[in-house]
Full PDB file with SEQRES, HELIX, SHEET, SSBOND, CRYST1, ORIGX, SCALE, CONECT and MASTER records, all heavy atoms in Angstrom:
SEQRES   1 A   41  CYS LYS SER ARG ASP GLU ALA GLU LYS TYR LEU ALA SER          
SEQRES   2 A   41  HIS SER GLU ASP ILE LYS ASN THR THR GLU LYS VAL ILE          
SEQRES   3 A   41  ALA ALA GLU GLY TYR ASP TYR GLY VAL THR VAL SER LEU          
SEQRES   4 A   41  SER GLU                                                      
HELIX    1 AA1 ARG A    4  SER A   13  1                                  10    
HELIX    2 AA2 SER A   15  ALA A   28  1                                  14    
CRYST1    1.000    1.000    1.000  90.00  90.00  90.00 P 1           1          
ORIGX1      1.000000  0.000000  0.000000        0.00000                         
ORIGX2      0.000000  1.000000  0.000000        0.00000                         
ORIGX3      0.000000  0.000000  1.000000        0.00000                         
SCALE1      1.000000  0.000000  0.000000        0.00000                         
SCALE2      0.000000  1.000000  0.000000        0.00000                         
SCALE3      0.000000  0.000000  1.000000        0.00000                         
ATOM      1  N   CYS A   1      -1.251  25.451   8.521  1.00  0.00           N  
ATOM      2  CA  CYS A   1       0.117  25.000   8.908  1.00  0.00           C  
ATOM      3  C   CYS A   1       1.103  26.085   8.394  1.00  0.00           C  
ATOM      4  O   CYS A   1       1.102  26.455   7.219  1.00  0.00           O  
ATOM      5  CB  CYS A   1       0.407  23.646   8.295  1.00  0.00           C  
ATOM      6  SG  CYS A   1      -0.496  22.258   9.098  1.00  0.00           S  
ATOM      7  N   LYS A   2       1.994  26.451   9.287  1.00  0.00           N  
ATOM      8  CA  LYS A   2       2.978  27.485   8.936  1.00  0.00           C  
ATOM      9  C   LYS A   2       4.393  26.964   8.622  1.00  0.00           C  
ATOM     10  O   LYS A   2       5.255  27.782   8.241  1.00  0.00           O  
ATOM     11  CB  LYS A   2       3.109  28.606  10.041  1.00  0.00           C  
ATOM     12  CG  LYS A   2       1.699  29.172  10.474  1.00  0.00           C  
ATOM     13  CD  LYS A   2       1.086  29.829   9.265  1.00  0.00           C  
ATOM     14  CE  LYS A   2      -0.293  30.487   9.653  1.00  0.00           C  
ATOM     15  NZ  LYS A   2      -0.990  31.097   8.493  1.00  0.00           N  
ATOM     16  N   SER A   3       4.600  25.664   8.780  1.00  0.00           N  
ATOM     17  CA  SER A   3       5.896  25.120   8.497  1.00  0.00           C  
ATOM     18  C   SER A   3       5.738  23.649   8.148  1.00  0.00           C  
ATOM     19  O   SER A   3       4.698  23.088   8.399  1.00  0.00           O  
ATOM     20  CB  SER A   3       6.850  25.247   9.724  1.00  0.00           C  
ATOM     21  OG  SER A   3       6.360  24.415  10.758  1.00  0.00           O  
ATOM     22  N   ARG A   4       6.822  23.084   7.588  1.00  0.00           N  
ATOM     23  CA  ARG A   4       6.706  21.629   7.230  1.00  0.00           C  
ATOM     24  C   ARG A   4       6.629  20.800   8.499  1.00  0.00           C  
ATOM     25  O   ARG A   4       5.845  19.834   8.554  1.00  0.00           O  
ATOM     26  CB  ARG A   4       7.892  21.208   6.450  1.00  0.00           C  
ATOM     27  CG  ARG A   4       7.617  19.892   5.710  1.00  0.00           C  
ATOM     28  CD  ARG A   4       8.858  19.222   5.098  1.00  0.00           C  
ATOM     29  NE  ARG A   4       9.504  18.342   6.045  1.00  0.00           N  
ATOM     30  CZ  ARG A   4      10.190  17.280   5.714  1.00  0.00           C  
ATOM     31  NH1 ARG A   4      10.240  16.949   4.445  1.00  0.00           N  
ATOM     32  NH2 ARG A   4      10.803  16.542   6.583  1.00  0.00           N  
ATOM     33  N   ASP A   5       7.314  21.158   9.509  1.00  0.00           N  
ATOM     34  CA  ASP A   5       7.241  20.419  10.796  1.00  0.00           C  
ATOM     35  C   ASP A   5       5.786  20.456  11.391  1.00  0.00           C  
ATOM     36  O   ASP A   5       5.258  19.389  11.801  1.00  0.00           O  
ATOM     37  CB  ASP A   5       8.211  21.007  11.812  1.00  0.00           C  
ATOM     38  CG  ASP A   5       9.616  20.660  11.544  1.00  0.00           C  
ATOM     39  OD1 ASP A   5       9.849  19.729  10.731  1.00  0.00           O  
ATOM     40  OD2 ASP A   5      10.539  21.279  12.118  1.00  0.00           O  
ATOM     41  N   GLU A   6       5.191  21.623  11.254  1.00  0.00           N  
ATOM     42  CA  GLU A   6       3.845  21.738  11.775  1.00  0.00           C  
ATOM     43  C   GLU A   6       2.886  20.881  10.901  1.00  0.00           C  
ATOM     44  O   GLU A   6       1.944  20.188  11.432  1.00  0.00           O  
ATOM     45  CB  GLU A   6       3.381  23.188  11.725  1.00  0.00           C  
ATOM     46  CG  GLU A   6       2.077  23.518  12.395  1.00  0.00           C  
ATOM     47  CD  GLU A   6       1.758  25.007  12.479  1.00  0.00           C  
ATOM     48  OE1 GLU A   6       2.740  25.821  12.594  1.00  0.00           O  
ATOM     49  OE2 GLU A   6       0.546  25.286  12.418  1.00  0.00           O  
ATOM     50  N   ALA A   7       3.103  20.853   9.626  1.00  0.00           N  
ATOM     51  CA  ALA A   7       2.230  20.105   8.706  1.00  0.00           C  
ATOM     52  C   ALA A   7       2.479  18.647   8.883  1.00  0.00           C  
ATOM     53  O   ALA A   7       1.493  17.830   8.932  1.00  0.00           O  
ATOM     54  CB  ALA A   7       2.659  20.441   7.263  1.00  0.00           C  
ATOM     55  N   GLU A   8       3.738  18.193   9.203  1.00  0.00           N  
ATOM     56  CA  GLU A   8       3.985  16.782   9.482  1.00  0.00           C  
ATOM     57  C   GLU A   8       3.263  16.344  10.743  1.00  0.00           C  
ATOM     58  O   GLU A   8       2.671  15.257  10.727  1.00  0.00           O  
ATOM     59  CB  GLU A   8       5.480  16.603   9.559  1.00  0.00           C  
ATOM     60  CG  GLU A   8       5.889  15.179   9.808  1.00  0.00           C  
ATOM     61  CD  GLU A   8       7.403  14.949   9.952  1.00  0.00           C  
ATOM     62  OE1 GLU A   8       8.108  15.879   9.690  1.00  0.00           O  
ATOM     63  OE2 GLU A   8       7.788  13.837  10.273  1.00  0.00           O  
ATOM     64  N   LYS A   9       3.356  17.139  11.771  1.00  0.00           N  
ATOM     65  CA  LYS A   9       2.669  16.795  13.002  1.00  0.00           C  
ATOM     66  C   LYS A   9       1.166  16.740  12.821  1.00  0.00           C  
ATOM     67  O   LYS A   9       0.430  15.878  13.365  1.00  0.00           O  
ATOM     68  CB  LYS A   9       3.030  17.825  14.096  1.00  0.00           C  
ATOM     69  CG  LYS A   9       4.498  17.732  14.563  1.00  0.00           C  
ATOM     70  CD  LYS A   9       4.794  18.852  15.560  1.00  0.00           C  
ATOM     71  CE  LYS A   9       6.263  18.809  15.967  1.00  0.00           C  
ATOM     72  NZ  LYS A   9       6.588  19.881  16.907  1.00  0.00           N  
ATOM     73  N   TYR A  10       0.595  17.697  12.046  1.00  0.00           N  
ATOM     74  CA  TYR A  10      -0.813  17.674  11.795  1.00  0.00           C  
ATOM     75  C   TYR A  10      -1.285  16.407  11.095  1.00  0.00           C  
ATOM     76  O   TYR A  10      -2.252  15.735  11.488  1.00  0.00           O  
ATOM     77  CB  TYR A  10      -1.217  18.904  10.970  1.00  0.00           C  
ATOM     78  CG  TYR A  10      -2.654  18.882  10.571  1.00  0.00           C  
ATOM     79  CD1 TYR A  10      -3.602  19.355  11.465  1.00  0.00           C  
ATOM     80  CD2 TYR A  10      -3.021  18.442   9.334  1.00  0.00           C  
ATOM     81  CE1 TYR A  10      -5.002  19.311  11.152  1.00  0.00           C  
ATOM     82  CE2 TYR A  10      -4.416  18.440   8.949  1.00  0.00           C  
ATOM     83  CZ  TYR A  10      -5.387  18.867   9.862  1.00  0.00           C  
ATOM     84  OH  TYR A  10      -6.677  18.811   9.520  1.00  0.00           O  
ATOM     85  N   LEU A  11      -0.558  16.037  10.085  1.00  0.00           N  
ATOM     86  CA  LEU A  11      -0.905  14.821   9.325  1.00  0.00           C  
ATOM     87  C   LEU A  11      -0.725  13.570  10.126  1.00  0.00           C  
ATOM     88  O   LEU A  11      -1.550  12.669  10.057  1.00  0.00           O  
ATOM     89  CB  LEU A  11       0.046  14.747   8.008  1.00  0.00           C  
ATOM     90  CG  LEU A  11      -0.269  15.763   6.977  1.00  0.00           C  
ATOM     91  CD1 LEU A  11       0.816  15.651   5.849  1.00  0.00           C  
ATOM     92  CD2 LEU A  11      -1.632  15.594   6.387  1.00  0.00           C  
ATOM     93  N   ALA A  12       0.368  13.506  10.898  1.00  0.00           N  
ATOM     94  CA  ALA A  12       0.529  12.361  11.752  1.00  0.00           C  
ATOM     95  C   ALA A  12      -0.592  12.206  12.809  1.00  0.00           C  
ATOM     96  O   ALA A  12      -1.021  11.104  13.130  1.00  0.00           O  
ATOM     97  CB  ALA A  12       1.875  12.466  12.500  1.00  0.00           C  
ATOM     98  N   SER A  13      -1.086  13.264  13.298  1.00  0.00           N  
ATOM     99  CA  SER A  13      -2.119  13.222  14.332  1.00  0.00           C  
ATOM    100  C   SER A  13      -3.455  12.949  13.757  1.00  0.00           C  
ATOM    101  O   SER A  13      -4.391  12.665  14.493  1.00  0.00           O  
ATOM    102  CB  SER A  13      -2.151  14.594  15.113  1.00  0.00           C  
ATOM    103  OG  SER A  13      -2.569  15.610  14.334  1.00  0.00           O  
ATOM    104  N   HIS A  14      -3.641  13.039  12.444  1.00  0.00           N  
ATOM    105  CA  HIS A  14      -4.865  12.800  11.797  1.00  0.00           C  
ATOM    106  C   HIS A  14      -4.812  11.586  10.895  1.00  0.00           C  
ATOM    107  O   HIS A  14      -5.699  11.432  10.035  1.00  0.00           O  
ATOM    108  CB  HIS A  14      -5.270  14.066  10.923  1.00  0.00           C  
ATOM    109  CG  HIS A  14      -5.734  15.212  11.766  1.00  0.00           C  
ATOM    110  ND1 HIS A  14      -4.896  16.007  12.436  1.00  0.00           N  
ATOM    111  CD2 HIS A  14      -7.007  15.627  12.066  1.00  0.00           C  
ATOM    112  CE1 HIS A  14      -5.555  16.939  13.113  1.00  0.00           C  
ATOM    113  NE2 HIS A  14      -6.836  16.754  12.933  1.00  0.00           N  
ATOM    114  N   SER A  15      -3.854  10.746  11.104  1.00  0.00           N  
ATOM    115  CA  SER A  15      -3.755   9.533  10.192  1.00  0.00           C  
ATOM    116  C   SER A  15      -4.933   8.605  10.385  1.00  0.00           C  
ATOM    117  O   SER A  15      -5.410   8.063   9.381  1.00  0.00           O  
ATOM    118  CB  SER A  15      -2.465   8.760  10.548  1.00  0.00           C  
ATOM    119  OG  SER A  15      -2.429   8.325  11.853  1.00  0.00           O  
ATOM    120  N   GLU A  16      -5.420   8.528  11.641  1.00  0.00           N  
ATOM    121  CA  GLU A  16      -6.607   7.691  11.776  1.00  0.00           C  
ATOM    122  C   GLU A  16      -7.909   8.258  11.132  1.00  0.00           C  
ATOM    123  O   GLU A  16      -8.716   7.495  10.520  1.00  0.00           O  
ATOM    124  CB  GLU A  16      -6.895   7.517  13.313  1.00  0.00           C  
ATOM    125  CG  GLU A  16      -7.802   6.361  13.652  1.00  0.00           C  
ATOM    126  CD  GLU A  16      -7.193   5.029  13.281  1.00  0.00           C  
ATOM    127  OE1 GLU A  16      -5.983   4.831  13.253  1.00  0.00           O  
ATOM    128  OE2 GLU A  16      -7.998   4.094  12.957  1.00  0.00           O  
ATOM    129  N   ASP A  17      -7.975   9.563  11.193  1.00  0.00           N  
ATOM    130  CA  ASP A  17      -9.117  10.202  10.480  1.00  0.00           C  
ATOM    131  C   ASP A  17      -9.019   9.969   9.012  1.00  0.00           C  
ATOM    132  O   ASP A  17     -10.048   9.761   8.305  1.00  0.00           O  
ATOM    133  CB  ASP A  17      -9.109  11.711  10.764  1.00  0.00           C  
ATOM    134  CG  ASP A  17      -9.429  12.050  12.221  1.00  0.00           C  
ATOM    135  OD1 ASP A  17     -10.080  11.232  12.904  1.00  0.00           O  
ATOM    136  OD2 ASP A  17      -8.960  13.152  12.688  1.00  0.00           O  
ATOM    137  N   ILE A  18      -7.818  10.052   8.446  1.00  0.00           N  
ATOM    138  CA  ILE A  18      -7.617   9.831   7.008  1.00  0.00           C  
ATOM    139  C   ILE A  18      -7.998   8.408   6.653  1.00  0.00           C  
ATOM    140  O   ILE A  18      -8.724   8.189   5.662  1.00  0.00           O  
ATOM    141  CB  ILE A  18      -6.136  10.061   6.660  1.00  0.00           C  
ATOM    142  CG1 ILE A  18      -5.777  11.598   6.880  1.00  0.00           C  
ATOM    143  CG2 ILE A  18      -5.856   9.698   5.151  1.00  0.00           C  
ATOM    144  CD1 ILE A  18      -4.327  11.855   6.773  1.00  0.00           C  
ATOM    145  N   LYS A  19      -7.606   7.457   7.473  1.00  0.00           N  
ATOM    146  CA  LYS A  19      -7.949   6.059   7.254  1.00  0.00           C  
ATOM    147  C   LYS A  19      -9.463   5.859   7.319  1.00  0.00           C  
ATOM    148  O   LYS A  19     -10.050   5.178   6.426  1.00  0.00           O  
ATOM    149  CB  LYS A  19      -7.239   5.184   8.221  1.00  0.00           C  
ATOM    150  CG  LYS A  19      -7.506   3.661   7.996  1.00  0.00           C  
ATOM    151  CD  LYS A  19      -6.728   2.803   8.961  1.00  0.00           C  
ATOM    152  CE  LYS A  19      -6.908   1.389   8.632  1.00  0.00           C  
ATOM    153  NZ  LYS A  19      -6.164   0.467   9.494  1.00  0.00           N  
ATOM    154  N   ASN A  20     -10.108   6.406   8.289  1.00  0.00           N  
ATOM    155  CA  ASN A  20     -11.514   6.267   8.496  1.00  0.00           C  
ATOM    156  C   ASN A  20     -12.328   6.887   7.300  1.00  0.00           C  
ATOM    157  O   ASN A  20     -13.298   6.296   6.815  1.00  0.00           O  
ATOM    158  CB  ASN A  20     -11.981   6.940   9.787  1.00  0.00           C  
ATOM    159  CG  ASN A  20     -11.497   6.170  10.990  1.00  0.00           C  
ATOM    160  OD1 ASN A  20     -11.195   4.976  10.908  1.00  0.00           O  
ATOM    161  ND2 ASN A  20     -11.502   6.827  12.148  1.00  0.00           N  
ATOM    162  N   THR A  21     -11.891   8.040   6.870  1.00  0.00           N  
ATOM    163  CA  THR A  21     -12.554   8.690   5.691  1.00  0.00           C  
ATOM    164  C   THR A  21     -12.386   7.925   4.468  1.00  0.00           C  
ATOM    165  O   THR A  21     -13.341   7.678   3.704  1.00  0.00           O  
ATOM    166  CB  THR A  21     -11.856  10.053   5.486  1.00  0.00           C  
ATOM    167  OG1 THR A  21     -12.192  10.905   6.614  1.00  0.00           O  
ATOM    168  CG2 THR A  21     -12.429  10.713   4.223  1.00  0.00           C  
ATOM    169  N   THR A  22     -11.154   7.265   4.212  1.00  0.00           N  
ATOM    170  CA  THR A  22     -10.964   6.425   3.112  1.00  0.00           C  
ATOM    171  C   THR A  22     -11.883   5.217   3.167  1.00  0.00           C  
ATOM    172  O   THR A  22     -12.458   4.766   2.165  1.00  0.00           O  
ATOM    173  CB  THR A  22      -9.532   6.009   2.963  1.00  0.00           C  
ATOM    174  OG1 THR A  22      -8.651   7.197   2.976  1.00  0.00           O  
ATOM    175  CG2 THR A  22      -9.189   5.142   1.760  1.00  0.00           C  
ATOM    176  N   GLU A  23     -11.925   4.557   4.334  1.00  0.00           N  
ATOM    177  CA  GLU A  23     -12.765   3.363   4.420  1.00  0.00           C  
ATOM    178  C   GLU A  23     -14.211   3.669   4.236  1.00  0.00           C  
ATOM    179  O   GLU A  23     -14.892   2.839   3.610  1.00  0.00           O  
ATOM    180  CB  GLU A  23     -12.535   2.787   5.852  1.00  0.00           C  
ATOM    181  CG  GLU A  23     -11.179   2.157   6.029  1.00  0.00           C  
ATOM    182  CD  GLU A  23     -10.888   1.737   7.484  1.00  0.00           C  
ATOM    183  OE1 GLU A  23     -11.560   2.208   8.384  1.00  0.00           O  
ATOM    184  OE2 GLU A  23      -9.995   0.851   7.650  1.00  0.00           O  
ATOM    185  N   LYS A  24     -14.687   4.861   4.619  1.00  0.00           N  
ATOM    186  CA  LYS A  24     -16.066   5.156   4.437  1.00  0.00           C  
ATOM    187  C   LYS A  24     -16.385   5.325   2.968  1.00  0.00           C  
ATOM    188  O   LYS A  24     -17.414   4.967   2.435  1.00  0.00           O  
ATOM    189  CB  LYS A  24     -16.428   6.452   5.165  1.00  0.00           C  
ATOM    190  CG  LYS A  24     -16.492   6.279   6.668  1.00  0.00           C  
ATOM    191  CD  LYS A  24     -16.781   7.618   7.388  1.00  0.00           C  
ATOM    192  CE  LYS A  24     -16.865   7.476   8.875  1.00  0.00           C  
ATOM    193  NZ  LYS A  24     -17.123   8.743   9.566  1.00  0.00           N  
ATOM    194  N   VAL A  25     -15.470   6.023   2.213  1.00  0.00           N  
ATOM    195  CA  VAL A  25     -15.669   6.133   0.789  1.00  0.00           C  
ATOM    196  C   VAL A  25     -15.714   4.782   0.139  1.00  0.00           C  
ATOM    197  O   VAL A  25     -16.559   4.514  -0.739  1.00  0.00           O  
ATOM    198  CB  VAL A  25     -14.519   6.999   0.190  1.00  0.00           C  
ATOM    199  CG1 VAL A  25     -14.650   7.056  -1.345  1.00  0.00           C  
ATOM    200  CG2 VAL A  25     -14.593   8.458   0.762  1.00  0.00           C  
ATOM    201  N   ILE A  26     -14.748   3.988   0.503  1.00  0.00           N  
ATOM    202  CA  ILE A  26     -14.687   2.603  -0.147  1.00  0.00           C  
ATOM    203  C   ILE A  26     -15.954   1.796   0.135  1.00  0.00           C  
ATOM    204  O   ILE A  26     -16.566   1.194  -0.798  1.00  0.00           O  
ATOM    205  CB  ILE A  26     -13.485   1.840   0.391  1.00  0.00           C  
ATOM    206  CG1 ILE A  26     -12.159   2.498  -0.061  1.00  0.00           C  
ATOM    207  CG2 ILE A  26     -13.515   0.345  -0.032  1.00  0.00           C  
ATOM    208  CD1 ILE A  26     -10.925   1.894   0.500  1.00  0.00           C  
ATOM    209  N   ALA A  27     -16.482   1.861   1.390  1.00  0.00           N  
ATOM    210  CA  ALA A  27     -17.690   1.093   1.736  1.00  0.00           C  
ATOM    211  C   ALA A  27     -18.888   1.684   1.011  1.00  0.00           C  
ATOM    212  O   ALA A  27     -19.767   0.963   0.545  1.00  0.00           O  
ATOM    213  CB  ALA A  27     -17.877   1.194   3.229  1.00  0.00           C  
ATOM    214  N   ALA A  28     -18.954   3.011   0.911  1.00  0.00           N  
ATOM    215  CA  ALA A  28     -20.079   3.662   0.215  1.00  0.00           C  
ATOM    216  C   ALA A  28     -20.085   3.301  -1.234  1.00  0.00           C  
ATOM    217  O   ALA A  28     -21.231   3.278  -1.822  1.00  0.00           O  
ATOM    218  CB  ALA A  28     -19.966   5.237   0.390  1.00  0.00           C  
ATOM    219  N   GLU A  29     -18.987   2.966  -1.803  1.00  0.00           N  
ATOM    220  CA  GLU A  29     -18.977   2.641  -3.229  1.00  0.00           C  
ATOM    221  C   GLU A  29     -19.165   1.081  -3.401  1.00  0.00           C  
ATOM    222  O   GLU A  29     -19.127   0.617  -4.527  1.00  0.00           O  
ATOM    223  CB  GLU A  29     -17.589   3.023  -3.843  1.00  0.00           C  
ATOM    224  CG  GLU A  29     -17.440   4.565  -3.927  1.00  0.00           C  
ATOM    225  CD  GLU A  29     -18.489   5.256  -4.753  1.00  0.00           C  
ATOM    226  OE1 GLU A  29     -18.787   4.733  -5.838  1.00  0.00           O  
ATOM    227  OE2 GLU A  29     -18.995   6.234  -4.334  1.00  0.00           O  
ATOM    228  N   GLY A  30     -19.326   0.373  -2.297  1.00  0.00           N  
ATOM    229  CA  GLY A  30     -19.652  -1.041  -2.359  1.00  0.00           C  
ATOM    230  C   GLY A  30     -18.427  -1.933  -2.434  1.00  0.00           C  
ATOM    231  O   GLY A  30     -18.522  -3.119  -2.799  1.00  0.00           O  
ATOM    232  N   TYR A  31     -17.254  -1.473  -1.936  1.00  0.00           N  
ATOM    233  CA  TYR A  31     -16.105  -2.349  -1.962  1.00  0.00           C  
ATOM    234  C   TYR A  31     -15.661  -2.579  -0.517  1.00  0.00           C  
ATOM    235  O   TYR A  31     -16.081  -1.852   0.414  1.00  0.00           O  
ATOM    236  CB  TYR A  31     -14.954  -1.609  -2.728  1.00  0.00           C  
ATOM    237  CG  TYR A  31     -15.336  -1.323  -4.148  1.00  0.00           C  
ATOM    238  CD1 TYR A  31     -15.616   0.004  -4.569  1.00  0.00           C  
ATOM    239  CD2 TYR A  31     -15.338  -2.350  -5.110  1.00  0.00           C  
ATOM    240  CE1 TYR A  31     -15.999   0.284  -5.848  1.00  0.00           C  
ATOM    241  CE2 TYR A  31     -15.721  -2.019  -6.430  1.00  0.00           C  
ATOM    242  CZ  TYR A  31     -16.035  -0.721  -6.761  1.00  0.00           C  
ATOM    243  OH  TYR A  31     -16.359  -0.474  -8.067  1.00  0.00           O  
ATOM    244  N   ASP A  32     -14.711  -3.539  -0.351  1.00  0.00           N  
ATOM    245  CA  ASP A  32     -14.261  -3.837   0.988  1.00  0.00           C  
ATOM    246  C   ASP A  32     -12.740  -3.894   1.076  1.00  0.00           C  
ATOM    247  O   ASP A  32     -12.117  -4.694   1.819  1.00  0.00           O  
ATOM    248  CB  ASP A  32     -14.820  -5.198   1.449  1.00  0.00           C  
ATOM    249  CG  ASP A  32     -14.420  -6.344   0.537  1.00  0.00           C  
ATOM    250  OD1 ASP A  32     -13.807  -6.117  -0.570  1.00  0.00           O  
ATOM    251  OD2 ASP A  32     -14.709  -7.513   0.952  1.00  0.00           O  
ATOM    252  N   TYR A  33     -12.073  -3.073   0.217  1.00  0.00           N  
ATOM    253  CA  TYR A  33     -10.562  -2.994   0.243  1.00  0.00           C  
ATOM    254  C   TYR A  33     -10.053  -2.590   1.560  1.00  0.00           C  
ATOM    255  O   TYR A  33     -10.634  -1.758   2.295  1.00  0.00           O  
ATOM    256  CB  TYR A  33     -10.096  -2.028  -0.823  1.00  0.00           C  
ATOM    257  CG  TYR A  33     -10.401  -2.401  -2.253  1.00  0.00           C  
ATOM    258  CD1 TYR A  33     -10.985  -1.482  -3.123  1.00  0.00           C  
ATOM    259  CD2 TYR A  33     -10.050  -3.647  -2.768  1.00  0.00           C  
ATOM    260  CE1 TYR A  33     -11.290  -1.765  -4.460  1.00  0.00           C  
ATOM    261  CE2 TYR A  33     -10.372  -3.948  -4.051  1.00  0.00           C  
ATOM    262  CZ  TYR A  33     -10.966  -2.998  -4.889  1.00  0.00           C  
ATOM    263  OH  TYR A  33     -11.208  -3.314  -6.187  1.00  0.00           O  
ATOM    264  N   GLY A  34      -8.915  -3.169   1.920  1.00  0.00           N  
ATOM    265  CA  GLY A  34      -8.174  -2.658   3.088  1.00  0.00           C  
ATOM    266  C   GLY A  34      -7.516  -1.320   2.764  1.00  0.00           C  
ATOM    267  O   GLY A  34      -7.391  -0.991   1.583  1.00  0.00           O  
ATOM    268  N   VAL A  35      -7.090  -0.645   3.821  1.00  0.00           N  
ATOM    269  CA  VAL A  35      -6.488   0.693   3.610  1.00  0.00           C  
ATOM    270  C   VAL A  35      -5.254   0.779   4.488  1.00  0.00           C  
ATOM    271  O   VAL A  35      -5.254   0.413   5.680  1.00  0.00           O  
ATOM    272  CB  VAL A  35      -7.473   1.884   4.037  1.00  0.00           C  
ATOM    273  CG1 VAL A  35      -6.738   3.203   3.975  1.00  0.00           C  
ATOM    274  CG2 VAL A  35      -8.722   1.806   3.178  1.00  0.00           C  
ATOM    275  N   THR A  36      -4.165   1.313   3.945  1.00  0.00           N  
ATOM    276  CA  THR A  36      -2.963   1.530   4.650  1.00  0.00           C  
ATOM    277  C   THR A  36      -2.655   3.059   4.523  1.00  0.00           C  
ATOM    278  O   THR A  36      -2.558   3.577   3.411  1.00  0.00           O  
ATOM    279  CB  THR A  36      -1.790   0.754   4.132  1.00  0.00           C  
ATOM    280  OG1 THR A  36      -2.076  -0.630   4.209  1.00  0.00           O  
ATOM    281  CG2 THR A  36      -0.502   1.001   4.919  1.00  0.00           C  
ATOM    282  N   VAL A  37      -2.386   3.733   5.638  1.00  0.00           N  
ATOM    283  CA  VAL A  37      -2.052   5.114   5.659  1.00  0.00           C  
ATOM    284  C   VAL A  37      -0.713   5.270   6.375  1.00  0.00           C  
ATOM    285  O   VAL A  37      -0.534   4.722   7.480  1.00  0.00           O  
ATOM    286  CB  VAL A  37      -3.025   5.981   6.446  1.00  0.00           C  
ATOM    287  CG1 VAL A  37      -2.612   7.492   6.501  1.00  0.00           C  
ATOM    288  CG2 VAL A  37      -4.453   5.919   5.681  1.00  0.00           C  
ATOM    289  N   SER A  38       0.247   5.932   5.644  1.00  0.00           N  
ATOM    290  CA  SER A  38       1.569   6.118   6.315  1.00  0.00           C  
ATOM    291  C   SER A  38       2.154   7.484   5.976  1.00  0.00           C  
ATOM    292  O   SER A  38       1.760   8.078   4.957  1.00  0.00           O  
ATOM    293  CB  SER A  38       2.552   4.997   5.829  1.00  0.00           C  
ATOM    294  OG  SER A  38       2.751   5.093   4.493  1.00  0.00           O  
ATOM    295  N   LEU A  39       3.021   7.945   6.785  1.00  0.00           N  
ATOM    296  CA  LEU A  39       3.779   9.175   6.597  1.00  0.00           C  
ATOM    297  C   LEU A  39       5.211   8.791   6.651  1.00  0.00           C  
ATOM    298  O   LEU A  39       5.813   8.592   7.711  1.00  0.00           O  
ATOM    299  CB  LEU A  39       3.407  10.141   7.666  1.00  0.00           C  
ATOM    300  CG  LEU A  39       3.843  11.665   7.502  1.00  0.00           C  
ATOM    301  CD1 LEU A  39       3.225  12.240   6.247  1.00  0.00           C  
ATOM    302  CD2 LEU A  39       3.460  12.482   8.716  1.00  0.00           C  
ATOM    303  N   SER A  40       5.805   8.668   5.460  1.00  0.00           N  
ATOM    304  CA  SER A  40       7.195   8.134   5.391  1.00  0.00           C  
ATOM    305  C   SER A  40       7.927   8.590   4.161  1.00  0.00           C  
ATOM    306  O   SER A  40       7.305   9.281   3.315  1.00  0.00           O  
ATOM    307  CB  SER A  40       7.119   6.543   5.368  1.00  0.00           C  
ATOM    308  OG  SER A  40       6.364   6.154   4.257  1.00  0.00           O  
ATOM    309  N   GLU A  41       9.233   8.397   4.124  1.00  0.00           N  
ATOM    310  CA  GLU A  41      10.052   8.773   3.010  1.00  0.00           C  
ATOM    311  C   GLU A  41       9.761   7.861   1.791  1.00  0.00           C  
ATOM    312  O   GLU A  41       9.605   6.673   1.943  1.00  0.00           O  
ATOM    313  CB  GLU A  41      11.600   8.684   3.343  1.00  0.00           C  
ATOM    314  CG  GLU A  41      12.046   9.584   4.413  1.00  0.00           C  
ATOM    315  CD  GLU A  41      12.006  11.064   4.051  1.00  0.00           C  
ATOM    316  OE1 GLU A  41      12.198  11.359   2.852  1.00  0.00           O  
ATOM    317  OE2 GLU A  41      11.786  11.922   4.894  1.00  0.00           O  
TER     318      GLU A  41                                                      
MASTER        0    0    0    2    0    0    0    6  317    1    0    4          
END                                                                             
């Protein structure tokens, strides 16, 4: 990413991947916590 705008767009477009990755880690450790991912102030 070459700018903050570019980084923001990249993160926004990968929010579902971030959530899925987090859920996999939680499940692998034997927990069932919910996950919330947001890009906000």
